[in-house]
Amino acid sequence: PHIIFLSQSVLSGKKHLCGVRLCHEIAHAWFGLAIGACDWTEEWISEGFATYLEDVFWENAQKLSEEAAKEQQQLKSLLRWRRLQDELQNSEEELQVLRPNKQSTGEVSDSGATIVKHGLNPGKIFMQVHYLKGYFLLHYLENRVGQKPFLKFFRLFVERFHGQLILSQDFLHMFMEHFSELKSRGLSMEAIYQNWLDVAGIPKPLLDGTLKWTENRLVHEVQDEVVKWVEFNKNNRKRTRTCKRKRSCKDVVTFKEDAAASEVLKILP
């Protein structure tokens, strides 16, 4: 629906990287372009939605079964959970809030100007808190109603607000109105604000759902594969040192331990 400008990094030939990046940018055609944030302090409306939808688009592009899609999503959630933890440990608390202006979000002065809180803070440019907390908030809401009804609601939301600038409360109000039965289950807009949008740190509901990701079959496969190659690298280094002492050894391949492998080992249980 819109022209999207992509960097040359998507042309690297790496199918997975290219596919995921394309899905994220395509998602911005709806959230970021067709629908934007009225107050750019709430950039999660663009980046959180695009991060959530990139998984949905990529799963469909791969034609994954429901079970395979679920396993892949849980693996990605675990990796993003770890990344979010690192971000929150190494950033100022006031930069971790998705709606820092709270009830004043979207207000304008007599001149018609709005103030984007922390908009000139150079440190915020490199943060992904609004990507990740927004992503987990949308998954939290999806889990309350089911993926198919949630995506159907997305269509209705886009149709209603296409071409408009919105605030968090616009999305949440329509969500709670559409799924009115959630009120009887104890979910309210106020609870979402308090747990997700108006506070720093890890959202309380997110702490309850992390264990199931570590029990994922795909997570264990990745862990076993990383352990195998780390062990191979250690053995290879021993052979290299032995060969150097003997000053004669052919066809020995050495490589530095992959930093990414070390990171995965930290992430996986």
Protein backbone atom coordinates (compact mmCIF):
# COMPACT_ATOMS: atom_id res chain seq x y z
CA PRO A 1 0.00 0.00 0.00
CA HIS A 2 2.99 2.36 0.30
CA ILE A 3 6.52 2.74 -1.05
CA ILE A 4 9.07 1.30 1.37
CA PHE A 5 12.76 2.21 1.25
CA LEU A 6 15.05 -0.65 2.23
CA SER A 7 18.75 -0.62 3.03
CA GLN A 8 21.21 -2.73 1.06
CA SER A 9 21.49 -5.06 4.07
CA VAL A 10 18.35 -6.89 2.92
CA LEU A 11 20.14 -7.82 -0.31
CA SER A 12 22.90 -9.75 1.46
CA GLY A 13 21.66 -13.05 0.11
CA LYS A 14 20.79 -14.37 3.57
CA LYS A 15 17.26 -15.59 3.04
CA HIS A 16 16.23 -15.60 6.70
CA LEU A 17 17.63 -12.15 7.50
CA CYS A 18 16.19 -10.67 4.33
CA GLY A 19 12.78 -12.27 4.91
CA VAL A 20 12.41 -11.14 8.51
CA ARG A 21 13.58 -7.60 7.70
CA LEU A 22 11.19 -7.34 4.78
CA CYS A 23 8.29 -8.55 6.93
CA HIS A 24 9.06 -5.91 9.55
CA GLU A 25 9.19 -3.10 7.00
CA ILE A 26 6.06 -4.32 5.24
CA ALA A 27 4.26 -4.23 8.60
CA HIS A 28 5.16 -0.53 8.81
CA ALA A 29 2.96 0.03 5.76
CA TRP A 30 0.05 -0.30 8.18
CA PHE A 31 1.56 0.69 11.52
CA GLY A 32 3.84 3.65 10.99
CA LEU A 33 2.53 4.84 7.62
CA ALA A 34 -1.19 4.13 7.18
CA ILE A 35 -1.65 4.55 10.95
CA GLY A 36 0.79 6.65 12.94
CA ALA A 37 1.35 7.81 16.50
CA CYS A 38 -0.32 11.11 17.35
CA ASP A 39 2.36 11.62 19.99
CA TRP A 40 5.77 10.30 18.92
CA THR A 41 6.58 9.64 22.53
CA GLU A 42 4.45 6.53 21.92
CA GLU A 43 6.66 5.04 19.21
CA TRP A 44 5.69 1.55 20.38
CA ILE A 45 2.54 2.04 18.26
CA SER A 46 4.79 1.83 15.22
CA GLU A 47 7.67 -0.42 16.28
CA GLY A 48 5.88 -2.73 18.71
CA PHE A 49 3.16 -3.51 16.17
CA ALA A 50 5.69 -4.03 13.37
CA THR A 51 7.75 -6.42 15.53
CA TYR A 52 4.63 -8.41 16.39
CA LEU A 53 3.42 -8.57 12.79
CA GLU A 54 6.83 -9.48 11.33
CA ASP A 55 6.48 -12.90 12.99
CA VAL A 56 2.94 -13.35 11.67
CA PHE A 57 3.98 -12.44 8.12
CA TRP A 58 7.16 -14.57 8.21
CA GLU A 59 5.32 -17.63 9.51
CA ASN A 60 2.86 -17.36 6.64
CA ALA A 61 5.63 -16.79 4.09
CA GLN A 62 7.35 -19.98 5.29
CA LYS A 63 4.03 -21.87 5.21
CA LEU A 64 4.71 -23.30 8.68
CA SER A 65 2.33 -25.67 10.40
CA GLU A 66 0.58 -24.37 13.49
CA GLU A 67 2.90 -26.35 15.76
CA ALA A 68 6.07 -25.25 13.93
CA ALA A 69 4.94 -21.63 13.99
CA LYS A 70 4.31 -21.86 17.74
CA GLU A 71 7.78 -23.32 18.37
CA GLN A 72 9.46 -20.64 16.27
CA GLN A 73 7.50 -17.90 18.01
CA GLN A 74 8.47 -19.19 21.45
CA LEU A 75 12.15 -19.34 20.49
CA LYS A 76 12.01 -15.74 19.26
CA SER A 77 10.18 -14.69 22.41
CA LEU A 78 12.93 -16.18 24.55
CA LEU A 79 15.64 -14.35 22.61
CA ARG A 80 13.68 -11.08 22.76
CA TRP A 81 13.05 -11.58 26.47
CA ARG A 82 16.79 -11.82 27.08
CA ARG A 83 17.41 -8.75 24.94
CA LEU A 84 14.76 -6.81 26.84
CA GLN A 85 16.34 -7.77 30.16
CA ASP A 86 19.72 -6.49 28.96
CA GLU A 87 18.19 -3.23 27.72
CA LEU A 88 16.40 -2.60 31.00
CA GLN A 89 19.53 -3.30 33.04
CA ASN A 90 21.57 -0.82 31.01
CA SER A 91 19.23 2.11 30.50
CA GLU A 92 17.66 4.90 32.53
CA GLU A 93 14.29 4.05 34.01
CA GLU A 94 12.56 7.08 32.54
CA LEU A 95 13.49 5.86 29.05
CA GLN A 96 11.83 2.48 29.66
CA VAL A 97 8.27 3.82 29.85
CA LEU A 98 6.14 3.35 26.72
CA ARG A 99 3.77 6.20 27.62
CA PRO A 100 5.94 8.67 29.58
CA ASN A 101 3.45 11.53 29.22
CA LYS A 102 0.71 9.29 30.68
CA GLN A 103 -2.62 11.13 30.80
CA SER A 104 -1.06 14.17 29.11
CA THR A 105 -0.17 12.15 26.02
CA GLY A 106 -1.31 13.91 22.87
CA GLU A 107 -2.08 17.25 24.51
CA VAL A 108 -1.14 20.36 22.53
CA SER A 109 -0.26 23.88 23.57
CA ASP A 110 -2.16 27.02 22.53
CA SER A 111 0.15 27.27 19.54
CA GLY A 112 -0.78 23.76 18.45
CA ALA A 113 2.65 22.32 19.27
CA THR A 114 3.25 19.04 21.04
CA ILE A 115 6.25 18.05 23.13
CA VAL A 116 7.80 14.63 22.60
CA LYS A 117 9.33 13.67 25.93
CA HIS A 118 12.96 12.50 25.58
CA GLY A 119 12.68 13.19 21.85
CA LEU A 120 16.13 14.80 21.76
CA ASN A 121 17.83 12.20 23.95
CA PRO A 122 20.49 10.58 21.70
CA GLY A 123 20.55 7.45 23.85
CA LYS A 124 16.96 6.59 23.02
CA ILE A 125 17.73 6.23 19.32
CA PHE A 126 19.64 3.01 19.96
CA MET A 127 17.15 1.48 22.39
CA GLN A 128 14.72 -1.30 21.53
CA VAL A 129 12.57 -1.16 24.65
CA HIS A 130 9.60 0.23 22.73
CA TYR A 131 10.00 -2.54 20.12
CA LEU A 132 10.17 -5.31 22.70
CA LYS A 133 7.74 -4.20 25.39
CA GLY A 134 5.24 -3.33 22.66
CA TYR A 135 5.72 -6.76 21.10
CA PHE A 136 5.17 -8.53 24.43
CA LEU A 137 2.11 -6.39 25.24
CA LEU A 138 0.47 -7.40 21.96
CA HIS A 139 1.27 -11.06 22.60
CA TYR A 140 -0.22 -10.71 26.07
CA LEU A 141 -3.46 -9.39 24.57
CA GLU A 142 -3.40 -12.08 21.88
CA ASN A 143 -3.11 -14.80 24.52
CA ARG A 144 -6.21 -13.46 26.24
CA VAL A 145 -8.41 -13.86 23.15
CA GLY A 146 -6.60 -16.22 20.73
CA GLN A 147 -4.53 -15.40 17.65
CA LYS A 148 -7.24 -15.69 14.99
CA PRO A 149 -9.75 -13.40 16.75
CA PHE A 150 -6.90 -10.99 17.57
CA LEU A 151 -5.75 -10.73 13.94
CA LYS A 152 -9.35 -10.34 12.81
CA PHE A 153 -9.62 -7.44 15.25
CA PHE A 154 -6.43 -5.97 13.74
CA ARG A 155 -8.19 -5.80 10.36
CA LEU A 156 -11.14 -3.97 11.87
CA PHE A 157 -8.82 -1.57 13.68
CA VAL A 158 -6.88 -0.74 10.50
CA GLU A 159 -10.11 -0.18 8.57
CA ARG A 160 -11.40 2.19 11.24
CA PHE A 161 -8.23 4.24 11.78
CA HIS A 162 -6.61 4.07 8.33
CA GLY A 163 -4.99 7.40 7.48
CA GLN A 164 -5.18 8.69 11.06
CA LEU A 165 -2.83 9.43 13.94
CA ILE A 166 -3.69 7.57 17.12
CA LEU A 167 -2.81 7.23 20.80
CA SER A 168 -2.48 4.09 22.90
CA GLN A 169 -5.93 4.62 24.36
CA ASP A 170 -7.51 4.56 20.89
CA PHE A 171 -6.24 1.03 20.32
CA LEU A 172 -6.96 -0.20 23.84
CA HIS A 173 -10.44 1.33 23.98
CA MET A 174 -11.46 -0.39 20.74
CA PHE A 175 -9.85 -3.64 21.91
CA MET A 176 -11.73 -3.65 25.21
CA GLU A 177 -14.94 -2.66 23.44
CA HIS A 178 -14.56 -5.46 20.88
CA PHE A 179 -13.68 -8.10 23.50
CA SER A 180 -16.05 -6.84 26.18
CA GLU A 181 -16.03 -10.21 27.99
CA LEU A 182 -12.47 -9.48 29.19
CA LYS A 183 -13.77 -7.05 31.81
CA SER A 184 -15.43 -9.91 33.66
CA ARG A 185 -12.07 -11.71 33.64
CA GLY A 186 -10.36 -8.86 35.44
CA LEU A 187 -8.69 -7.08 32.51
CA SER A 188 -9.09 -3.31 32.21
CA MET A 189 -7.43 -0.41 30.44
CA GLU A 190 -6.21 0.87 33.80
CA ALA A 191 -4.49 -2.45 34.51
CA ILE A 192 -2.79 -2.37 31.10
CA TYR A 193 -1.56 1.18 31.73
CA GLN A 194 -0.25 0.27 35.18
CA ASN A 195 1.44 -2.97 34.15
CA TRP A 196 2.67 -2.18 30.64
CA LEU A 197 2.59 1.42 29.44
CA ASP A 198 3.13 3.77 32.37
CA VAL A 199 5.91 2.01 34.28
CA ALA A 200 9.58 1.18 33.81
CA GLY A 201 11.09 -2.28 34.10
CA ILE A 202 9.68 -5.71 33.31
CA PRO A 203 5.87 -5.80 33.08
CA LYS A 204 4.48 -8.02 35.86
CA PRO A 205 2.36 -10.25 33.57
CA LEU A 206 5.44 -11.00 31.47
CA LEU A 207 7.26 -12.62 34.38
CA ASP A 208 4.66 -15.40 34.54
CA GLY A 209 5.04 -16.59 30.95
CA THR A 210 8.77 -17.10 30.48
CA LEU A 211 9.09 -20.70 31.73
CA LYS A 212 7.10 -22.22 28.85
CA TRP A 213 9.61 -20.80 26.33
CA THR A 214 12.51 -22.72 27.88
CA GLU A 215 10.59 -26.01 27.56
CA ASN A 216 10.27 -25.59 23.81
CA ARG A 217 11.68 -28.44 21.66
CA LEU A 218 13.25 -26.00 19.20
CA VAL A 219 15.01 -24.17 22.04
CA HIS A 220 16.63 -27.42 23.17
CA GLU A 221 17.69 -28.23 19.59
CA VAL A 222 19.40 -24.86 19.25
CA GLN A 223 21.06 -25.28 22.64
CA ASP A 224 22.40 -28.74 21.74
CA GLU A 225 23.71 -27.48 18.40
CA VAL A 226 25.53 -24.55 20.00
CA VAL A 227 27.05 -26.77 22.68
CA LYS A 228 28.25 -29.19 19.98
CA TRP A 229 30.08 -26.49 18.02
CA VAL A 230 31.56 -24.84 21.10
CA GLU A 231 32.95 -28.24 22.14
CA PHE A 232 34.26 -28.83 18.62
CA ASN A 233 36.04 -25.49 18.75
CA LYS A 234 37.68 -26.29 22.08
CA ASN A 235 38.95 -29.64 20.81
CA ASN A 236 40.21 -28.01 17.64
CA ARG A 237 42.18 -25.47 19.63
CA LYS A 238 43.81 -28.25 21.64
CA ARG A 239 44.89 -29.94 18.40
CA THR A 240 46.28 -26.65 17.14
CA ARG A 241 48.39 -26.12 20.26
CA THR A 242 49.70 -29.69 20.02
CA CYS A 243 50.62 -29.19 16.37
CA LYS A 244 52.46 -25.97 17.13
CA ARG A 245 54.58 -27.75 19.72
CA LYS A 246 55.41 -30.49 17.23
CA ARG A 247 55.87 -27.90 14.46
CA SER A 248 54.17 -30.19 11.99
CA CYS A 249 50.49 -30.53 11.40
CA LYS A 250 48.48 -30.27 8.21
CA ASP A 251 44.89 -29.50 7.41
CA VAL A 252 43.98 -28.21 10.85
CA VAL A 253 41.16 -25.69 10.71
CA THR A 254 40.92 -23.12 13.50
CA PHE A 255 38.45 -20.40 14.14
CA LYS A 256 37.62 -18.03 16.93
CA GLU A 257 34.76 -18.98 19.20
CA ASP A 258 31.69 -17.36 17.79
CA ALA A 259 30.53 -14.55 20.05
CA ALA A 260 26.96 -15.25 19.00
CA ALA A 261 27.28 -18.82 20.26
CA SER A 262 28.35 -17.55 23.66
CA GLU A 263 25.36 -15.25 23.74
CA VAL A 264 22.97 -18.06 22.86
CA LEU A 265 24.39 -20.19 25.66
CA LYS A 266 23.68 -17.37 28.08
CA ILE A 267 20.13 -17.06 26.80
CA LEU A 268 19.16 -20.70 26.63
CA PRO A 269 18.62 -22.70 29.81
